[in-house]
Amino acid sequence: MAEPERKTLLGEGQLAQARGEIPHWDFNDDRFARAFEFANFIEAFGFMSQVALIAERLDHHPEWSNVWNKVRIEITNHDAGGVTELDVEFCRRVDGLVGRGETR
């Protein structure tokens, strides 16, 4: 798999296409965000551990929060000043952990 583009901001058309590929992620203020809900804290923490591995592999780390069984993730490329293909790839991989639409 080719390395996702890290520095080039997505144009309007690219952003529209990306939003279609990751429809469960909200787009606001130059970042993607998604909330997840789990049965309990252990499941939420396990999910966060899996997301941490994705972040390390991509060398791209989210802003996130956890309250008991809820996890909220926000991702943007601070170095580029907005959303790049790297953010979209991060979202795709996170979606792969829970399925595209479900929140365990």
Protein backbone atom coordinates (compact mmCIF):
# COMPACT_ATOMS: atom_id res chain seq x y z
CA MET A 1 0.00 0.00 0.00
CA ALA A 2 1.35 3.41 -0.94
CA GLU A 3 2.05 5.96 1.77
CA PRO A 4 -0.89 8.42 2.11
CA GLU A 5 -0.12 12.02 1.16
CA ARG A 6 0.88 13.91 4.32
CA LYS A 7 1.25 17.54 3.29
CA THR A 8 -1.15 18.28 0.43
CA LEU A 9 -4.53 19.58 1.55
CA LEU A 10 -7.55 17.98 -0.10
CA GLY A 11 -9.34 20.14 -2.65
CA GLU A 12 -13.12 20.55 -2.69
CA GLY A 13 -13.67 17.60 -5.05
CA GLN A 14 -11.29 15.34 -3.15
CA LEU A 15 -12.94 16.29 0.13
CA ALA A 16 -16.41 15.53 -1.25
CA GLN A 17 -15.19 12.13 -2.45
CA ALA A 18 -13.55 11.40 0.91
CA ARG A 19 -16.72 12.32 2.79
CA GLY A 20 -18.58 9.81 0.65
CA GLU A 21 -16.08 7.11 1.58
CA ILE A 22 -16.28 7.82 5.33
CA PRO A 23 -19.91 8.96 5.75
CA HIS A 24 -20.08 8.40 9.51
CA TRP A 25 -17.40 10.97 10.17
CA ASP A 26 -18.51 14.58 10.61
CA PHE A 27 -16.48 17.29 8.93
CA ASN A 28 -16.20 20.61 10.76
CA ASP A 29 -13.49 23.22 11.14
CA ASP A 30 -11.00 21.42 8.88
CA ARG A 31 -11.18 18.13 10.76
CA PHE A 32 -13.03 14.84 10.78
CA ALA A 33 -14.76 13.72 13.97
CA ARG A 34 -16.67 10.65 15.03
CA ALA A 35 -18.20 9.44 18.30
CA PHE A 36 -18.26 5.77 19.27
CA GLU A 37 -20.25 4.05 22.00
CA PHE A 38 -19.46 0.65 23.49
CA ALA A 39 -21.06 -1.70 26.00
CA ASN A 40 -18.64 -0.73 28.76
CA PHE A 41 -15.30 0.87 29.62
CA ILE A 42 -13.26 -2.25 28.84
CA GLU A 43 -14.57 -2.37 25.26
CA ALA A 44 -13.97 1.36 24.83
CA PHE A 45 -10.43 1.07 26.16
CA GLY A 46 -9.71 -1.94 23.94
CA PHE A 47 -10.90 0.06 20.93
CA MET A 48 -8.66 2.95 21.93
CA SER A 49 -5.70 0.58 22.13
CA GLN A 50 -6.39 -0.60 18.58
CA VAL A 51 -6.70 2.99 17.36
CA ALA A 52 -3.39 3.80 19.05
CA LEU A 53 -1.72 1.10 16.95
CA ILE A 54 -3.19 2.61 13.78
CA ALA A 55 -1.97 6.05 14.82
CA GLU A 56 1.54 4.74 15.42
CA ARG A 57 1.66 2.88 12.10
CA LEU A 58 0.62 6.02 10.27
CA ASP A 59 2.65 8.32 12.54
CA HIS A 60 -0.50 10.43 12.72
CA HIS A 61 -2.20 10.92 16.07
CA PRO A 62 -5.77 11.99 16.84
CA GLU A 63 -7.22 14.26 19.43
CA TRP A 64 -9.60 12.12 21.44
CA SER A 65 -11.52 11.75 24.64
CA ASN A 66 -12.99 8.88 26.60
CA VAL A 67 -15.75 8.91 29.20
CA TRP A 68 -16.65 5.42 30.42
CA ASN A 69 -18.11 3.69 27.31
CA LYS A 70 -17.82 6.62 24.90
CA VAL A 71 -14.88 7.59 22.71
CA ARG A 72 -14.72 10.70 20.55
CA ILE A 73 -12.00 11.04 17.92
CA GLU A 74 -11.00 14.14 15.96
CA ILE A 75 -8.32 14.07 13.28
CA THR A 76 -6.68 16.80 11.19
CA ASN A 77 -3.22 17.39 9.86
CA HIS A 78 -1.82 20.24 11.93
CA ASP A 79 1.40 20.36 9.88
CA ALA A 80 -0.55 20.88 6.65
CA GLY A 81 -3.17 23.14 8.21
CA GLY A 82 -6.22 21.03 7.37
CA VAL A 83 -7.31 17.68 5.98
CA THR A 84 -5.03 15.50 3.85
CA GLU A 85 -5.24 11.96 2.47
CA LEU A 86 -3.50 10.83 5.67
CA ASP A 87 -6.55 11.89 7.70
CA VAL A 88 -8.88 10.01 5.36
CA GLU A 89 -6.72 6.88 5.58
CA PHE A 90 -6.77 7.11 9.37
CA CYS A 91 -10.60 7.30 9.31
CA ARG A 92 -10.84 4.34 6.92
CA ARG A 93 -8.69 2.20 9.18
CA VAL A 94 -10.64 3.15 12.30
CA ASP A 95 -13.87 2.33 10.48
CA GLY A 96 -12.36 -1.07 9.71
CA LEU A 97 -12.20 -1.79 13.45
CA VAL A 98 -15.92 -1.36 14.03
CA GLY A 99 -17.46 -1.55 10.60
CA ARG A 100 -18.43 1.47 8.55
CA GLY A 101 -21.60 2.42 10.38
CA GLU A 102 -21.86 0.59 13.64
CA THR A 103 -20.59 1.61 17.01
CA ARG A 104 -20.15 -1.50 19.06
